[in-house]
Amino acid sequence: MIVERIYVPDALVIESTTWPWSIPAVSDLVGDGVALSAPVTFLVGENGTGKSTIVEAVAEAWGVDVRGGQSGRKYSSELRKSVLGQAVRFDRGLGGSTMVKTQAKGFFLRSETALDVFQRLGYGDSYTAVSHGESYLQVFEDWFSVKGLYLLDEPEAALSFTACLSLIASMDRVVRAGGQVICATHSPLLASMPGADILELTEDGLIRSEWADLELVQHWKRYLDDPGRYLRHVLE
């Protein structure tokens, strides 16, 4: 494990009732924080529960530009760290004991800024020659192969069913190389990766859950069994 725990020291929280500390899942990072028990961790939950907020803050604290890309790269303009990004701390495992400062290898991908990141990585021409999803898979194939902390914010946005399966294979390749993945997702397919740790973000905070017990999975099962059960409420 590269990172075994993510936390925020109590002393760094001044107004606990203000954003982002007012988000239950973020509040759960204060003090003891959350332990990561597997090389792949999925954050799942409804919009607004703090998935992206946490992943972005971890990226900032690890040294990756919040717009995405590799750790340690210099961009044309600097962004100030968010309140949470400045406060996040890590307990490193044996795999991450030497990953500090410039040695903190990592990669951050968020769907909103993927085009800009791919161009910075040298995929400008090839990006326009293939589909959005194919460009994602090419980046996964090329970059997800070395030891580091890989942070993904809803990568399934551009991916088909089979492409999501390919992403699981890429994440497994990262694990085999000694790396670690933290992924915010709405995809029950990604979250089904064997051996992954799943943290469900709810109104009660961070809850460690089993795949079959996730509200996300239950909704999809019921919807696929009977779409009308849901659609009649939104179409009336």
C-alpha atoms as a PDB file:
ATOM      1  CA  MET A   1       0.000   0.000   0.000  1.00  0.00           C
ATOM      2  CA  ILE A   2       1.184   3.495  -0.845  1.00  0.00           C
ATOM      3  CA  VAL A   3      -1.409   5.303   1.293  1.00  0.00           C
ATOM      4  CA  GLU A   4      -2.949   3.535   4.282  1.00  0.00           C
ATOM      5  CA  ARG A   5      -4.920   6.416   5.757  1.00  0.00           C
ATOM      6  CA  ILE A   6      -6.272   9.802   4.663  1.00  0.00           C
ATOM      7  CA  TYR A   7      -7.051  12.312   7.380  1.00  0.00           C
ATOM      8  CA  VAL A   8      -7.260  15.976   8.355  1.00  0.00           C
ATOM      9  CA  PRO A   9      -5.765  17.092  11.699  1.00  0.00           C
ATOM     10  CA  ASP A  10      -8.416  18.588  13.988  1.00  0.00           C
ATOM     11  CA  ALA A  11      -6.352  21.743  14.438  1.00  0.00           C
ATOM     12  CA  LEU A  12      -6.678  22.595  10.733  1.00  0.00           C
ATOM     13  CA  VAL A  13     -10.486  22.854  10.858  1.00  0.00           C
ATOM     14  CA  ILE A  14     -11.562  26.303  12.013  1.00  0.00           C
ATOM     15  CA  GLU A  15     -15.243  26.475  11.038  1.00  0.00           C
ATOM     16  CA  SER A  16     -16.678  22.969  11.033  1.00  0.00           C
ATOM     17  CA  THR A  17     -20.108  24.204   9.873  1.00  0.00           C
ATOM     18  CA  THR A  18     -18.813  25.716   6.623  1.00  0.00           C
ATOM     19  CA  TRP A  19     -18.069  24.016   3.300  1.00  0.00           C
ATOM     20  CA  PRO A  20     -16.377  21.613   2.757  1.00  0.00           C
ATOM     21  CA  TRP A  21     -16.446  20.476   6.398  1.00  0.00           C
ATOM     22  CA  SER A  22     -20.258  20.557   6.359  1.00  0.00           C
ATOM     23  CA  ILE A  23     -20.236  17.600   3.935  1.00  0.00           C
ATOM     24  CA  PRO A  24     -20.614  14.476   6.130  1.00  0.00           C
ATOM     25  CA  ALA A  25     -18.046  12.427   4.195  1.00  0.00           C
ATOM     26  CA  VAL A  26     -15.483  15.236   4.383  1.00  0.00           C
ATOM     27  CA  SER A  27     -16.211  15.692   8.086  1.00  0.00           C
ATOM     28  CA  ASP A  28     -15.356  12.012   8.566  1.00  0.00           C
ATOM     29  CA  LEU A  29     -11.812  12.734   7.377  1.00  0.00           C
ATOM     30  CA  VAL A  30     -11.214  14.995  10.370  1.00  0.00           C
ATOM     31  CA  GLY A  31      -9.363  13.367  13.238  1.00  0.00           C
ATOM     32  CA  ASP A  32      -8.684   9.678  12.621  1.00  0.00           C
ATOM     33  CA  GLY A  33      -9.803   9.949   9.004  1.00  0.00           C
ATOM     34  CA  VAL A  34     -10.427   6.893   6.866  1.00  0.00           C
ATOM     35  CA  ALA A  35      -8.253   3.801   6.505  1.00  0.00           C
ATOM     36  CA  LEU A  36      -7.693   2.371   3.039  1.00  0.00           C
ATOM     37  CA  SER A  37      -7.651  -1.407   3.211  1.00  0.00           C
ATOM     38  CA  ALA A  38      -7.013  -2.382  -0.414  1.00  0.00           C
ATOM     39  CA  PRO A  39      -4.907  -1.179  -3.365  1.00  0.00           C
ATOM     40  CA  VAL A  40      -8.101  -0.087  -5.169  1.00  0.00           C
ATOM     41  CA  THR A  41     -10.678   2.070  -3.379  1.00  0.00           C
ATOM     42  CA  PHE A  42     -13.972   3.196  -4.912  1.00  0.00           C
ATOM     43  CA  LEU A  43     -15.914   6.189  -3.637  1.00  0.00           C
ATOM     44  CA  VAL A  44     -19.589   5.884  -4.563  1.00  0.00           C
ATOM     45  CA  GLY A  45     -22.613   8.000  -3.716  1.00  0.00           C
ATOM     46  CA  GLU A  46     -25.134  10.497  -5.002  1.00  0.00           C
ATOM     47  CA  ASN A  47     -24.177  13.833  -6.544  1.00  0.00           C
ATOM     48  CA  GLY A  48     -23.188  16.308  -3.860  1.00  0.00           C
ATOM     49  CA  THR A  49     -21.956  13.745  -1.345  1.00  0.00           C
ATOM     50  CA  GLY A  50     -18.316  14.799  -1.752  1.00  0.00           C
ATOM     51  CA  LYS A  51     -16.763  12.186  -4.060  1.00  0.00           C
ATOM     52  CA  SER A  52     -15.074  14.626  -6.426  1.00  0.00           C
ATOM     53  CA  THR A  53     -14.264  17.034  -3.598  1.00  0.00           C
ATOM     54  CA  ILE A  54     -12.298  14.334  -1.788  1.00  0.00           C
ATOM     55  CA  VAL A  55     -10.531  12.919  -4.851  1.00  0.00           C
ATOM     56  CA  GLU A  56      -9.485  16.394  -5.999  1.00  0.00           C
ATOM     57  CA  ALA A  57      -8.198  17.272  -2.531  1.00  0.00           C
ATOM     58  CA  VAL A  58      -6.176  14.057  -2.374  1.00  0.00           C
ATOM     59  CA  ALA A  59      -4.699  14.893  -5.784  1.00  0.00           C
ATOM     60  CA  GLU A  60      -3.717  18.370  -4.580  1.00  0.00           C
ATOM     61  CA  ALA A  61      -2.187  17.022  -1.378  1.00  0.00           C
ATOM     62  CA  TRP A  62      -0.260  14.402  -3.346  1.00  0.00           C
ATOM     63  CA  GLY A  63       1.159  17.030  -5.693  1.00  0.00           C
ATOM     64  CA  VAL A  64      -0.959  16.571  -8.814  1.00  0.00           C
ATOM     65  CA  ASP A  65      -2.503  19.580 -10.553  1.00  0.00           C
ATOM     66  CA  VAL A  66      -6.236  19.635  -9.847  1.00  0.00           C
ATOM     67  CA  ARG A  67      -6.878  19.974 -13.592  1.00  0.00           C
ATOM     68  CA  GLY A  68      -5.379  16.544 -14.064  1.00  0.00           C
ATOM     69  CA  GLY A  69      -2.214  14.922 -15.350  1.00  0.00           C
ATOM     70  CA  GLN A  70       0.983  13.680 -13.758  1.00  0.00           C
ATOM     71  CA  SER A  71       2.379  14.719 -10.431  1.00  0.00           C
ATOM     72  CA  GLY A  72       5.294  17.135 -10.536  1.00  0.00           C
ATOM     73  CA  ARG A  73       4.434  18.655 -13.925  1.00  0.00           C
ATOM     74  CA  LYS A  74       4.540  22.423 -14.343  1.00  0.00           C
ATOM     75  CA  TYR A  75       1.615  24.127 -16.014  1.00  0.00           C
ATOM     76  CA  SER A  76       1.228  27.574 -17.568  1.00  0.00           C
ATOM     77  CA  SER A  77      -0.660  28.885 -14.561  1.00  0.00           C
ATOM     78  CA  GLU A  78      -0.690  27.939 -10.919  1.00  0.00           C
ATOM     79  CA  LEU A  79      -3.834  27.174  -8.958  1.00  0.00           C
ATOM     80  CA  ARG A  80      -4.078  27.678  -5.224  1.00  0.00           C
ATOM     81  CA  LYS A  81      -4.898  24.546  -3.312  1.00  0.00           C
ATOM     82  CA  SER A  82      -8.435  24.195  -2.031  1.00  0.00           C
ATOM     83  CA  VAL A  83      -9.157  24.396   1.692  1.00  0.00           C
ATOM     84  CA  LEU A  84      -9.403  20.609   1.857  1.00  0.00           C
ATOM     85  CA  GLY A  85      -6.385  20.073  -0.394  1.00  0.00           C
ATOM     86  CA  GLN A  86      -4.231  22.120   1.969  1.00  0.00           C
ATOM     87  CA  ALA A  87      -5.465  20.196   5.006  1.00  0.00           C
ATOM     88  CA  VAL A  88      -5.313  16.567   3.813  1.00  0.00           C
ATOM     89  CA  ARG A  89      -2.556  14.405   5.283  1.00  0.00           C
ATOM     90  CA  PHE A  90      -1.491  10.801   4.618  1.00  0.00           C
ATOM     91  CA  ASP A  91      -0.265   7.820   6.587  1.00  0.00           C
ATOM     92  CA  ARG A  92       1.967   6.094   4.066  1.00  0.00           C
ATOM     93  CA  GLY A  93       2.479   2.356   3.864  1.00  0.00           C
ATOM     94  CA  LEU A  94       5.734   0.628   2.987  1.00  0.00           C
ATOM     95  CA  GLY A  95       5.035   1.170  -0.704  1.00  0.00           C
ATOM     96  CA  GLY A  96       4.739   4.913  -0.210  1.00  0.00           C
ATOM     97  CA  SER A  97       7.384   5.550   2.434  1.00  0.00           C
ATOM     98  CA  THR A  98       9.761   7.138  -0.075  1.00  0.00           C
ATOM     99  CA  MET A  99       7.054   8.787  -2.178  1.00  0.00           C
ATOM    100  CA  VAL A 100       7.422  12.327  -0.901  1.00  0.00           C
ATOM    101  CA  LYS A 101       7.822  15.652  -2.693  1.00  0.00           C
ATOM    102  CA  THR A 102       9.126  15.049  -6.242  1.00  0.00           C
ATOM    103  CA  GLN A 103       9.085  11.283  -5.659  1.00  0.00           C
ATOM    104  CA  ALA A 104       5.336  11.250  -5.026  1.00  0.00           C
ATOM    105  CA  LYS A 105       4.485   9.664  -8.355  1.00  0.00           C
ATOM    106  CA  GLY A 106       0.860   9.927  -9.356  1.00  0.00           C
ATOM    107  CA  PHE A 107      -1.756  10.618 -12.011  1.00  0.00           C
ATOM    108  CA  PHE A 108      -5.105  12.408 -11.823  1.00  0.00           C
ATOM    109  CA  LEU A 109      -7.857  12.110 -14.429  1.00  0.00           C
ATOM    110  CA  ARG A 110     -11.112  14.021 -14.369  1.00  0.00           C
ATOM    111  CA  SER A 111     -13.547  13.935 -17.270  1.00  0.00           C
ATOM    112  CA  GLU A 112     -14.112  17.719 -17.402  1.00  0.00           C
ATOM    113  CA  THR A 113     -10.473  18.507 -18.223  1.00  0.00           C
ATOM    114  CA  ALA A 114      -9.458  15.316 -20.025  1.00  0.00           C
ATOM    115  CA  LEU A 115      -8.950  16.982 -23.426  1.00  0.00           C
ATOM    116  CA  ASP A 116      -6.500  19.522 -22.020  1.00  0.00           C
ATOM    117  CA  VAL A 117      -4.618  16.844 -20.096  1.00  0.00           C
ATOM    118  CA  PHE A 118      -4.365  14.543 -23.111  1.00  0.00           C
ATOM    119  CA  GLN A 119      -2.959  17.387 -25.198  1.00  0.00           C
ATOM    120  CA  ARG A 120      -0.360  18.102 -22.525  1.00  0.00           C
ATOM    121  CA  LEU A 121       0.602  14.433 -22.567  1.00  0.00           C
ATOM    122  CA  GLY A 122       1.153  14.593 -26.322  1.00  0.00           C
ATOM    123  CA  TYR A 123      -2.124  13.076 -27.477  1.00  0.00           C
ATOM    124  CA  GLY A 124      -3.444  16.162 -29.258  1.00  0.00           C
ATOM    125  CA  ASP A 125      -3.602  14.762 -32.810  1.00  0.00           C
ATOM    126  CA  SER A 126      -4.448  11.197 -31.851  1.00  0.00           C
ATOM    127  CA  TYR A 127      -7.237  12.434 -29.563  1.00  0.00           C
ATOM    128  CA  THR A 128      -9.122  13.961 -32.503  1.00  0.00           C
ATOM    129  CA  ALA A 129      -8.559  10.884 -34.659  1.00  0.00           C
ATOM    130  CA  VAL A 130     -10.420   8.509 -32.359  1.00  0.00           C
ATOM    131  CA  SER A 131     -13.530   8.554 -30.215  1.00  0.00           C
ATOM    132  CA  HIS A 132     -13.612  10.131 -26.773  1.00  0.00           C
ATOM    133  CA  GLY A 133     -13.690   6.725 -25.114  1.00  0.00           C
ATOM    134  CA  GLU A 134     -10.911   5.303 -27.281  1.00  0.00           C
ATOM    135  CA  SER A 135      -8.630   8.172 -26.282  1.00  0.00           C
ATOM    136  CA  TYR A 136      -9.248   7.345 -22.618  1.00  0.00           C
ATOM    137  CA  LEU A 137      -8.321   3.716 -23.206  1.00  0.00           C
ATOM    138  CA  GLN A 138      -5.121   4.737 -24.999  1.00  0.00           C
ATOM    139  CA  VAL A 139      -4.066   6.873 -22.045  1.00  0.00           C
ATOM    140  CA  PHE A 140      -4.886   4.050 -19.631  1.00  0.00           C
ATOM    141  CA  GLU A 141      -2.812   1.654 -21.728  1.00  0.00           C
ATOM    142  CA  ASP A 142       0.166   4.006 -21.952  1.00  0.00           C
ATOM    143  CA  TRP A 143       0.244   5.516 -18.462  1.00  0.00           C
ATOM    144  CA  PHE A 144      -1.328   3.027 -16.073  1.00  0.00           C
ATOM    145  CA  SER A 145       1.640   0.724 -15.780  1.00  0.00           C
ATOM    146  CA  VAL A 146       4.050   2.079 -13.154  1.00  0.00           C
ATOM    147  CA  LYS A 147       3.988   2.330  -9.393  1.00  0.00           C
ATOM    148  CA  GLY A 148       2.168   5.448  -8.211  1.00  0.00           C
ATOM    149  CA  LEU A 149      -1.063   6.831  -6.791  1.00  0.00           C
ATOM    150  CA  TYR A 150      -3.752   6.969  -9.500  1.00  0.00           C
ATOM    151  CA  LEU A 151      -6.728   9.220  -8.821  1.00  0.00           C
ATOM    152  CA  LEU A 152      -9.784   8.998 -11.057  1.00  0.00           C
ATOM    153  CA  ASP A 153     -12.887  11.170 -10.961  1.00  0.00           C
ATOM    154  CA  GLU A 154     -15.798   9.439 -12.721  1.00  0.00           C
ATOM    155  CA  PRO A 155     -13.702   8.005 -15.581  1.00  0.00           C
ATOM    156  CA  GLU A 156     -16.692   6.017 -16.842  1.00  0.00           C
ATOM    157  CA  ALA A 157     -18.227   9.199 -18.310  1.00  0.00           C
ATOM    158  CA  ALA A 158     -16.686   8.464 -21.723  1.00  0.00           C
ATOM    159  CA  LEU A 159     -16.594   4.672 -21.544  1.00  0.00           C
ATOM    160  CA  SER A 160     -18.826   1.945 -22.913  1.00  0.00           C
ATOM    161  CA  PHE A 161     -19.552  -1.272 -21.051  1.00  0.00           C
ATOM    162  CA  THR A 162     -16.620  -3.095 -22.635  1.00  0.00           C
ATOM    163  CA  ALA A 163     -14.342  -0.070 -22.183  1.00  0.00           C
ATOM    164  CA  CYS A 164     -15.128  -0.089 -18.446  1.00  0.00           C
ATOM    165  CA  LEU A 165     -13.974  -3.705 -18.367  1.00  0.00           C
ATOM    166  CA  SER A 166     -10.741  -2.583 -20.027  1.00  0.00           C
ATOM    167  CA  LEU A 167     -10.318   0.083 -17.352  1.00  0.00           C
ATOM    168  CA  ILE A 168     -10.621  -2.593 -14.661  1.00  0.00           C
ATOM    169  CA  ALA A 169      -7.808  -4.454 -16.421  1.00  0.00           C
ATOM    170  CA  SER A 170      -5.731  -1.237 -16.405  1.00  0.00           C
ATOM    171  CA  MET A 171      -6.333  -0.741 -12.691  1.00  0.00           C
ATOM    172  CA  ASP A 172      -5.299  -4.340 -12.057  1.00  0.00           C
ATOM    173  CA  ARG A 173      -2.092  -3.624 -13.990  1.00  0.00           C
ATOM    174  CA  VAL A 174      -1.422  -0.667 -11.681  1.00  0.00           C
ATOM    175  CA  VAL A 175      -1.879  -2.888  -8.617  1.00  0.00           C
ATOM    176  CA  ARG A 176       0.478  -5.524 -10.021  1.00  0.00           C
ATOM    177  CA  ALA A 177       3.093  -2.791 -10.514  1.00  0.00           C
ATOM    178  CA  GLY A 178       2.810  -1.866  -6.821  1.00  0.00           C
ATOM    179  CA  GLY A 179       0.537   1.131  -7.366  1.00  0.00           C
ATOM    180  CA  GLN A 180      -2.736   2.205  -5.809  1.00  0.00           C
ATOM    181  CA  VAL A 181      -6.018   3.565  -7.191  1.00  0.00           C
ATOM    182  CA  ILE A 182      -8.667   5.820  -5.651  1.00  0.00           C
ATOM    183  CA  CYS A 183     -11.656   6.227  -7.958  1.00  0.00           C
ATOM    184  CA  ALA A 184     -14.875   8.225  -7.569  1.00  0.00           C
ATOM    185  CA  THR A 185     -17.559   6.553  -9.640  1.00  0.00           C
ATOM    186  CA  HIS A 186     -21.251   6.097 -10.387  1.00  0.00           C
ATOM    187  CA  SER A 187     -20.532   2.838 -12.214  1.00  0.00           C
ATOM    188  CA  PRO A 188     -21.646  -0.424 -10.595  1.00  0.00           C
ATOM    189  CA  LEU A 189     -19.467  -2.189 -13.164  1.00  0.00           C
ATOM    190  CA  LEU A 190     -16.234  -0.501 -12.031  1.00  0.00           C
ATOM    191  CA  ALA A 191     -17.138  -0.906  -8.364  1.00  0.00           C
ATOM    192  CA  SER A 192     -17.465  -4.674  -8.877  1.00  0.00           C
ATOM    193  CA  MET A 193     -13.687  -5.063  -9.301  1.00  0.00           C
ATOM    194  CA  PRO A 194     -12.662  -8.072  -7.175  1.00  0.00           C
ATOM    195  CA  GLY A 195     -10.750  -7.228  -4.012  1.00  0.00           C
ATOM    196  CA  ALA A 196     -11.566  -3.519  -4.109  1.00  0.00           C
ATOM    197  CA  ASP A 197     -12.496  -1.513  -1.030  1.00  0.00           C
ATOM    198  CA  ILE A 198     -15.779   0.402  -1.405  1.00  0.00           C
ATOM    199  CA  LEU A 199     -16.599   3.529   0.580  1.00  0.00           C
ATOM    200  CA  GLU A 200     -20.191   4.722   0.175  1.00  0.00           C
ATOM    201  CA  LEU A 201     -20.705   8.439   0.760  1.00  0.00           C
ATOM    202  CA  THR A 202     -24.059   9.096   2.412  1.00  0.00           C
ATOM    203  CA  GLU A 203     -25.817  11.681   4.562  1.00  0.00           C
ATOM    204  CA  ASP A 204     -24.267   9.848   7.513  1.00  0.00           C
ATOM    205  CA  GLY A 205     -20.729  10.115   6.148  1.00  0.00           C
ATOM    206  CA  LEU A 206     -18.309   7.460   4.863  1.00  0.00           C
ATOM    207  CA  ILE A 207     -19.563   3.889   5.162  1.00  0.00           C
ATOM    208  CA  ARG A 208     -17.529   0.853   4.117  1.00  0.00           C
ATOM    209  CA  SER A 209     -19.878  -1.300   2.052  1.00  0.00           C
ATOM    210  CA  GLU A 210     -20.094  -4.509   0.070  1.00  0.00           C
ATOM    211  CA  TRP A 211     -20.833  -4.236  -3.650  1.00  0.00           C
ATOM    212  CA  ALA A 212     -24.149  -6.090  -3.493  1.00  0.00           C
ATOM    213  CA  ASP A 213     -25.363  -3.834  -0.672  1.00  0.00           C
ATOM    214  CA  LEU A 214     -24.703  -0.542  -2.468  1.00  0.00           C
ATOM    215  CA  GLU A 215     -27.767   1.609  -3.129  1.00  0.00           C
ATOM    216  CA  LEU A 216     -26.266   2.240  -6.568  1.00  0.00           C
ATOM    217  CA  VAL A 217     -26.285  -1.463  -7.378  1.00  0.00           C
ATOM    218  CA  GLN A 218     -29.770  -2.011  -5.992  1.00  0.00           C
ATOM    219  CA  HIS A 219     -31.192   0.819  -8.109  1.00  0.00           C
ATOM    220  CA  TRP A 220     -29.613  -0.513 -11.306  1.00  0.00           C
ATOM    221  CA  LYS A 221     -30.850  -4.035 -10.647  1.00  0.00           C
ATOM    222  CA  ARG A 222     -34.396  -2.829 -10.113  1.00  0.00           C
ATOM    223  CA  TYR A 223     -34.271  -0.494 -13.110  1.00  0.00           C
ATOM    224  CA  LEU A 224     -32.981  -3.134 -15.525  1.00  0.00           C
ATOM    225  CA  ASP A 225     -35.613  -5.552 -14.268  1.00  0.00           C
ATOM    226  CA  ASP A 226     -38.449  -3.040 -14.759  1.00  0.00           C
ATOM    227  CA  PRO A 227     -37.572   0.410 -16.263  1.00  0.00           C
ATOM    228  CA  GLY A 228     -41.187   1.558 -16.014  1.00  0.00           C
ATOM    229  CA  ARG A 229     -40.989   1.296 -12.255  1.00  0.00           C
ATOM    230  CA  TYR A 230     -38.757   4.387 -12.314  1.00  0.00           C
ATOM    231  CA  LEU A 231     -39.733   6.115 -15.549  1.00  0.00           C
ATOM    232  CA  ARG A 232     -43.364   6.549 -14.665  1.00  0.00           C
ATOM    233  CA  HIS A 233     -42.325   8.908 -11.851  1.00  0.00           C
ATOM    234  CA  VAL A 234     -40.249  11.175 -14.103  1.00  0.00           C
ATOM    235  CA  LEU A 235     -42.474  11.144 -17.200  1.00  0.00           C
ATOM    236  CA  GLU A 236     -45.831  11.853 -15.585  1.00  0.00           C
END
